[in-house]
Amino acid sequence: MLLVNTDYIEGKTLEMLGMVSGSTIQSKNIGKDFGAGLKSLVGGELKGYTEMMEEARSVAEQRMVDQAMRLKADAVVNVRYTTSAIMAGASEVMVYGTAVRFK
């Protein structure tokens, strides 16, 4: 499945199938959250949260791809990611785009 953040794919004529999306809400356990709080006092990367967000993006992206595959899409164009804080230590990641089939 081809994913692009443009609204076209060079050399391809596209048939629009519709919008597809995927999302997930992830959180870290209390131990990692406490460790991140201590790390924020001295500065630097919060690796536990970086890993959490990388995993969340991957899960959300796969859910979007699964939805596109059910539509028998060849690609998803105009792919966008968005995040929001749900509560302290928990974030939602959503990815969305337009499923297309090559003509």
Protein backbone atom coordinates (compact mmCIF):
# COMPACT_ATOMS: atom_id res chain seq x y z
CA MET A 1 0.00 0.00 0.00
CA LEU A 2 1.46 3.31 -1.11
CA LEU A 3 1.01 6.21 1.33
CA VAL A 4 1.81 9.76 0.23
CA ASN A 5 1.20 13.20 1.66
CA THR A 6 0.49 14.72 -1.75
CA ASP A 7 -2.88 14.76 -3.49
CA TYR A 8 -1.51 13.01 -6.59
CA ILE A 9 0.86 10.23 -7.60
CA GLU A 10 3.01 11.15 -10.56
CA GLY A 11 2.18 9.13 -13.65
CA LYS A 12 -1.05 7.69 -12.20
CA THR A 13 -4.69 8.52 -12.82
CA LEU A 14 -6.59 8.13 -9.58
CA GLU A 15 -10.11 7.03 -8.80
CA MET A 16 -11.16 8.43 -5.42
CA LEU A 17 -12.72 5.80 -3.14
CA GLY A 18 -13.27 7.89 -0.01
CA MET A 19 -11.70 9.02 3.20
CA VAL A 20 -10.02 6.44 5.43
CA SER A 21 -8.68 6.87 8.93
CA GLY A 22 -7.17 5.09 11.87
CA SER A 23 -6.63 6.12 15.46
CA THR A 24 -5.43 4.89 18.83
CA ILE A 25 -5.08 6.24 22.34
CA GLN A 26 -1.92 5.22 24.17
CA SER A 27 -0.60 5.80 27.66
CA LYS A 28 2.47 4.89 29.66
CA ASN A 29 2.44 3.06 32.95
CA ILE A 30 2.81 4.97 36.21
CA GLY A 31 6.49 4.01 36.58
CA LYS A 32 7.44 5.42 33.19
CA ASP A 33 5.26 8.47 33.82
CA PHE A 34 7.07 9.13 37.11
CA GLY A 35 10.46 8.67 35.41
CA ALA A 36 9.47 11.11 32.66
CA GLY A 37 8.48 13.64 35.31
CA LEU A 38 11.93 13.41 36.88
CA LYS A 39 13.60 13.67 33.47
CA SER A 40 11.66 16.86 32.73
CA LEU A 41 13.45 18.51 35.67
CA VAL A 42 16.86 18.16 34.00
CA GLY A 43 15.80 18.28 30.36
CA GLY A 44 16.37 15.93 27.46
CA GLU A 45 14.34 13.49 25.42
CA LEU A 46 11.57 11.56 27.15
CA LYS A 47 12.36 8.28 25.43
CA GLY A 48 9.42 6.41 26.95
CA TYR A 49 7.03 8.94 25.44
CA THR A 50 8.88 8.95 22.12
CA GLU A 51 8.49 5.18 21.94
CA MET A 52 4.83 5.45 22.94
CA MET A 53 4.11 7.95 20.16
CA GLU A 54 6.03 5.92 17.55
CA GLU A 55 3.97 2.85 18.48
CA ALA A 56 0.75 4.88 18.41
CA ARG A 57 1.51 6.25 14.92
CA SER A 58 2.25 2.74 13.68
CA VAL A 59 -0.99 1.31 15.11
CA ALA A 60 -3.11 4.19 13.75
CA GLU A 61 -1.46 3.96 10.32
CA GLN A 62 -2.06 0.20 10.11
CA ARG A 63 -5.74 0.71 10.98
CA MET A 64 -6.03 3.26 8.18
CA VAL A 65 -4.31 0.90 5.73
CA ASP A 66 -6.63 -1.94 6.76
CA GLN A 67 -9.62 0.30 6.04
CA ALA A 68 -8.18 1.24 2.64
CA MET A 69 -7.54 -2.41 1.78
CA ARG A 70 -11.18 -3.23 2.51
CA LEU A 71 -12.03 -0.68 -0.20
CA LYS A 72 -9.51 -2.42 -2.50
CA ALA A 73 -7.41 0.74 -2.69
CA ASP A 74 -3.97 0.85 -4.26
CA ALA A 75 -2.84 3.87 -2.26
CA VAL A 76 -3.81 6.54 0.23
CA VAL A 77 -3.10 10.14 -0.80
CA ASN A 78 -3.08 13.34 1.23
CA VAL A 79 -2.07 11.43 4.38
CA ARG A 80 -2.13 13.58 7.52
CA TYR A 81 -1.39 12.87 11.18
CA THR A 82 -2.86 14.62 14.17
CA THR A 83 -2.38 14.19 17.91
CA SER A 84 -4.20 15.36 20.99
CA ALA A 85 -3.74 14.95 24.71
CA ILE A 86 -6.60 12.99 26.24
CA MET A 87 -5.36 13.22 29.83
CA ALA A 88 -2.01 13.43 31.59
CA GLY A 89 0.19 10.72 30.10
CA ALA A 90 -2.29 9.63 27.39
CA SER A 91 -2.41 10.82 23.80
CA GLU A 92 -4.55 10.10 20.77
CA VAL A 93 -2.97 9.74 17.36
CA MET A 94 -5.16 9.89 14.28
CA VAL A 95 -4.06 9.40 10.69
CA TYR A 96 -6.32 10.01 7.72
CA GLY A 97 -6.26 10.38 3.97
CA THR A 98 -8.10 9.57 0.75
CA ALA A 99 -8.13 5.99 -0.49
CA VAL A 100 -7.57 5.74 -4.25
CA ARG A 101 -7.43 3.09 -6.92
CA PHE A 102 -5.19 3.38 -9.98
CA LYS A 103 -7.09 3.63 -13.27
